[in-house]
Amino acid sequence: MSLIAVALFLLGFGASWVAGRYVEKGGAMIQGGAIGLCGVAALIFGMPEIWANNLGWAIVALLIYGLIGALIFRSGQAAREKAQ
């Protein structure tokens, strides 16, 4: 895994938390778009051999990444609700 992939995955996680913490309406759409965009970009630019040679594992990796991003999004929402 290259540094580009790590940076893009972390960017998606950060965007998920920010969307959950600070965006009240439409946060789920922003989170989904950020996770999808960053996850696919990380696989295409950071790990092109997995994307090209084994698409099944790439899809599994994206599913796991999306589930973790959803948990991070929910923790951001919980922090927002606790602060209110």
N, C-alpha and C. Protein backbone atom coordinates (compact mmCIF):
# COMPACT_ATOMS: atom_id res chain seq x y z
N MET A 1 0.86 -1.17 0.00
CA MET A 1 0.00 0.00 0.00
C MET A 1 0.90 1.23 0.00
N SER A 2 0.60 2.16 -0.87
CA SER A 2 1.42 3.35 -0.97
C SER A 2 0.90 4.45 -0.05
N LEU A 3 1.69 5.47 0.10
CA LEU A 3 1.30 6.61 0.93
C LEU A 3 0.09 7.34 0.36
N ILE A 4 -0.05 7.32 -0.96
CA ILE A 4 -1.21 7.95 -1.59
C ILE A 4 -2.49 7.26 -1.12
N ALA A 5 -2.48 5.93 -1.10
CA ALA A 5 -3.66 5.19 -0.66
C ALA A 5 -3.97 5.48 0.80
N VAL A 6 -2.96 5.49 1.64
CA VAL A 6 -3.17 5.76 3.06
C VAL A 6 -3.75 7.16 3.24
N ALA A 7 -3.19 8.14 2.54
CA ALA A 7 -3.67 9.51 2.66
C ALA A 7 -5.12 9.64 2.20
N LEU A 8 -5.47 8.99 1.11
CA LEU A 8 -6.84 9.07 0.61
C LEU A 8 -7.83 8.34 1.52
N PHE A 9 -7.43 7.20 2.06
CA PHE A 9 -8.30 6.51 3.01
C PHE A 9 -8.52 7.36 4.25
N LEU A 10 -7.46 7.96 4.78
CA LEU A 10 -7.60 8.81 5.96
C LEU A 10 -8.42 10.06 5.67
N LEU A 11 -8.28 10.61 4.46
CA LEU A 11 -9.08 11.76 4.07
C LEU A 11 -10.57 11.41 4.07
N GLY A 12 -10.92 10.24 3.59
CA GLY A 12 -12.30 9.79 3.61
C GLY A 12 -12.82 9.61 5.02
N PHE A 13 -11.99 9.04 5.90
CA PHE A 13 -12.40 8.89 7.30
C PHE A 13 -12.60 10.24 7.95
N GLY A 14 -11.69 11.17 7.69
CA GLY A 14 -11.82 12.52 8.25
C GLY A 14 -13.07 13.22 7.75
N ALA A 15 -13.36 13.08 6.47
CA ALA A 15 -14.57 13.70 5.91
C ALA A 15 -15.82 13.08 6.51
N SER A 16 -15.78 11.79 6.79
CA SER A 16 -16.93 11.13 7.43
C SER A 16 -17.19 11.70 8.82
N TRP A 17 -16.13 11.86 9.59
CA TRP A 17 -16.31 12.39 10.94
C TRP A 17 -16.79 13.83 10.91
N VAL A 18 -16.21 14.64 10.03
CA VAL A 18 -16.62 16.05 9.93
C VAL A 18 -18.07 16.15 9.49
N ALA A 19 -18.48 15.32 8.53
CA ALA A 19 -19.87 15.34 8.08
C ALA A 19 -20.81 14.93 9.20
N GLY A 20 -20.43 13.96 9.99
CA GLY A 20 -21.27 13.54 11.10
C GLY A 20 -21.30 14.57 12.21
N ARG A 21 -20.20 15.21 12.45
CA ARG A 21 -20.09 16.14 13.57
C ARG A 21 -20.71 17.50 13.27
N TYR A 22 -20.53 18.02 12.06
CA TYR A 22 -20.90 19.40 11.78
C TYR A 22 -22.03 19.59 10.78
N VAL A 23 -22.38 18.59 10.01
CA VAL A 23 -23.42 18.75 8.99
C VAL A 23 -24.69 18.07 9.48
N GLU A 24 -25.74 18.89 9.63
CA GLU A 24 -26.98 18.33 10.16
C GLU A 24 -27.87 17.76 9.05
N LYS A 25 -28.11 18.53 8.01
CA LYS A 25 -28.94 18.06 6.90
C LYS A 25 -28.04 17.68 5.72
N GLY A 26 -28.23 16.50 5.20
CA GLY A 26 -27.46 16.03 4.06
C GLY A 26 -26.11 15.45 4.43
N GLY A 27 -25.87 15.25 5.71
CA GLY A 27 -24.58 14.72 6.14
C GLY A 27 -24.33 13.31 5.65
N ALA A 28 -25.38 12.51 5.60
CA ALA A 28 -25.23 11.13 5.13
C ALA A 28 -24.84 11.07 3.65
N MET A 29 -25.39 11.99 2.86
CA MET A 29 -25.03 12.02 1.43
C MET A 29 -23.58 12.47 1.26
N ILE A 30 -23.16 13.46 2.04
CA ILE A 30 -21.78 13.93 1.96
C ILE A 30 -20.83 12.83 2.40
N GLN A 31 -21.18 12.14 3.47
CA GLN A 31 -20.35 11.05 3.96
C GLN A 31 -20.24 9.93 2.94
N GLY A 32 -21.35 9.54 2.36
CA GLY A 32 -21.33 8.48 1.35
C GLY A 32 -20.51 8.85 0.13
N GLY A 33 -20.67 10.08 -0.32
CA GLY A 33 -19.89 10.54 -1.47
C GLY A 33 -18.41 10.61 -1.18
N ALA A 34 -18.06 11.11 0.01
CA ALA A 34 -16.65 11.23 0.38
C ALA A 34 -16.00 9.86 0.52
N ILE A 35 -16.70 8.93 1.18
CA ILE A 35 -16.16 7.58 1.36
C ILE A 35 -16.01 6.90 0.00
N GLY A 36 -17.04 7.02 -0.83
CA GLY A 36 -16.97 6.40 -2.16
C GLY A 36 -15.85 6.97 -3.01
N LEU A 37 -15.77 8.28 -3.07
CA LEU A 37 -14.76 8.93 -3.90
C LEU A 37 -13.35 8.64 -3.38
N CYS A 38 -13.14 8.79 -2.09
CA CYS A 38 -11.80 8.57 -1.54
C CYS A 38 -11.41 7.09 -1.60
N GLY A 39 -12.35 6.20 -1.37
CA GLY A 39 -12.04 4.78 -1.43
C GLY A 39 -11.66 4.32 -2.83
N VAL A 40 -12.43 4.72 -3.81
CA VAL A 40 -12.13 4.33 -5.19
C VAL A 40 -10.83 4.98 -5.65
N ALA A 41 -10.63 6.24 -5.30
CA ALA A 41 -9.39 6.93 -5.69
C ALA A 41 -8.18 6.26 -5.03
N ALA A 42 -8.31 5.85 -3.77
CA ALA A 42 -7.20 5.18 -3.10
C ALA A 42 -6.86 3.87 -3.78
N LEU A 43 -7.87 3.13 -4.21
CA LEU A 43 -7.59 1.87 -4.89
C LEU A 43 -7.01 2.09 -6.28
N ILE A 44 -7.54 3.06 -7.00
CA ILE A 44 -7.06 3.28 -8.37
C ILE A 44 -5.65 3.88 -8.39
N PHE A 45 -5.41 4.90 -7.56
CA PHE A 45 -4.13 5.59 -7.60
C PHE A 45 -3.10 5.03 -6.62
N GLY A 46 -3.56 4.52 -5.49
CA GLY A 46 -2.62 4.04 -4.48
C GLY A 46 -2.31 2.57 -4.57
N MET A 47 -3.26 1.78 -5.06
CA MET A 47 -3.07 0.33 -5.16
C MET A 47 -3.61 -0.17 -6.51
N PRO A 48 -3.03 0.29 -7.61
CA PRO A 48 -3.59 -0.08 -8.92
C PRO A 48 -3.48 -1.57 -9.24
N GLU A 49 -2.52 -2.27 -8.64
CA GLU A 49 -2.39 -3.70 -8.94
C GLU A 49 -3.58 -4.49 -8.40
N ILE A 50 -4.11 -4.10 -7.25
CA ILE A 50 -5.30 -4.78 -6.72
C ILE A 50 -6.51 -4.47 -7.59
N TRP A 51 -6.64 -3.20 -7.99
CA TRP A 51 -7.77 -2.79 -8.82
C TRP A 51 -7.75 -3.51 -10.16
N ALA A 52 -6.56 -3.67 -10.75
CA ALA A 52 -6.45 -4.26 -12.08
C ALA A 52 -6.50 -5.78 -12.06
N ASN A 53 -5.90 -6.39 -11.06
CA ASN A 53 -5.74 -7.84 -11.08
C ASN A 53 -6.82 -8.61 -10.32
N ASN A 54 -7.40 -8.00 -9.32
CA ASN A 54 -8.35 -8.74 -8.50
C ASN A 54 -9.49 -7.82 -8.07
N LEU A 55 -10.43 -7.63 -8.95
CA LEU A 55 -11.54 -6.72 -8.70
C LEU A 55 -12.42 -7.18 -7.54
N GLY A 56 -12.52 -8.46 -7.33
CA GLY A 56 -13.33 -8.99 -6.23
C GLY A 56 -12.81 -8.53 -4.87
N TRP A 57 -11.50 -8.64 -4.67
CA TRP A 57 -10.91 -8.18 -3.41
C TRP A 57 -11.01 -6.67 -3.27
N ALA A 58 -10.94 -5.96 -4.37
CA ALA A 58 -11.09 -4.50 -4.32
C ALA A 58 -12.49 -4.12 -3.85
N ILE A 59 -13.49 -4.83 -4.33
CA ILE A 59 -14.87 -4.56 -3.90
C ILE A 59 -15.04 -4.89 -2.42
N VAL A 60 -14.47 -6.00 -1.97
CA VAL A 60 -14.54 -6.36 -0.55
C VAL A 60 -13.86 -5.29 0.30
N ALA A 61 -12.70 -4.80 -0.15
CA ALA A 61 -11.99 -3.75 0.58
C ALA A 61 -12.83 -2.48 0.65
N LEU A 62 -13.51 -2.13 -0.43
CA LEU A 62 -14.37 -0.95 -0.42
C LEU A 62 -15.57 -1.13 0.51
N LEU A 63 -16.13 -2.32 0.58
CA LEU A 63 -17.24 -2.58 1.50
C LEU A 63 -16.80 -2.42 2.95
N ILE A 64 -15.66 -2.98 3.28
CA ILE A 64 -15.14 -2.86 4.65
C ILE A 64 -14.82 -1.41 4.96
N TYR A 65 -14.21 -0.71 4.02
CA TYR A 65 -13.89 0.71 4.19
C TYR A 65 -15.16 1.53 4.41
N GLY A 66 -16.20 1.23 3.67
CA GLY A 66 -17.47 1.93 3.82
C GLY A 66 -18.12 1.68 5.17
N LEU A 67 -18.04 0.44 5.66
CA LEU A 67 -18.60 0.13 6.97
C LEU A 67 -17.86 0.85 8.09
N ILE A 68 -16.54 0.91 8.00
CA ILE A 68 -15.76 1.64 9.00
C ILE A 68 -16.07 3.13 8.92
N GLY A 69 -16.20 3.64 7.70
CA GLY A 69 -16.56 5.05 7.53
C GLY A 69 -17.92 5.36 8.12
N ALA A 70 -18.86 4.43 8.01
CA ALA A 70 -20.19 4.63 8.59
C ALA A 70 -20.11 4.68 10.11
N LEU A 71 -19.28 3.85 10.71
CA LEU A 71 -19.10 3.89 12.16
C LEU A 71 -18.49 5.21 12.62
N ILE A 72 -17.53 5.71 11.85
CA ILE A 72 -16.92 7.00 12.16
C ILE A 72 -17.94 8.12 12.02
N PHE A 73 -18.77 8.04 11.00
CA PHE A 73 -19.83 9.03 10.80
C PHE A 73 -20.79 9.04 11.99
N ARG A 74 -21.18 7.85 12.44
CA ARG A 74 -22.08 7.77 13.59
C ARG A 74 -21.43 8.31 14.87
N SER A 75 -20.13 8.10 15.02
CA SER A 75 -19.47 8.65 16.21
C SER A 75 -19.43 10.18 16.14
N GLY A 76 -19.30 10.74 14.96
CA GLY A 76 -19.38 12.19 14.80
C GLY A 76 -20.77 12.71 15.13
N GLN A 77 -21.78 11.98 14.70
CA GLN A 77 -23.16 12.39 15.03
C GLN A 77 -23.40 12.31 16.53
N ALA A 78 -22.88 11.28 17.17
CA ALA A 78 -23.06 11.14 18.62
C ALA A 78 -22.35 12.29 19.35
N ALA A 79 -21.20 12.69 18.86
CA ALA A 79 -20.49 13.82 19.48
C ALA A 79 -21.28 15.12 19.31
N ARG A 80 -21.92 15.29 18.14
CA ARG A 80 -22.74 16.47 17.91
C ARG A 80 -23.95 16.47 18.82
N GLU A 81 -24.62 15.34 18.96
CA GLU A 81 -25.80 15.25 19.81
C GLU A 81 -25.44 15.46 21.28
N LYS A 82 -24.29 14.97 21.68
CA LYS A 82 -23.85 15.14 23.05
C LYS A 82 -23.52 16.60 23.35
N ALA A 83 -22.97 17.31 22.35
CA ALA A 83 -22.61 18.72 22.53
C ALA A 83 -23.83 19.62 22.60
N GLN A 84 -24.94 19.18 22.02
CA GLN A 84 -26.14 20.04 22.01
C GLN A 84 -26.84 19.93 23.28
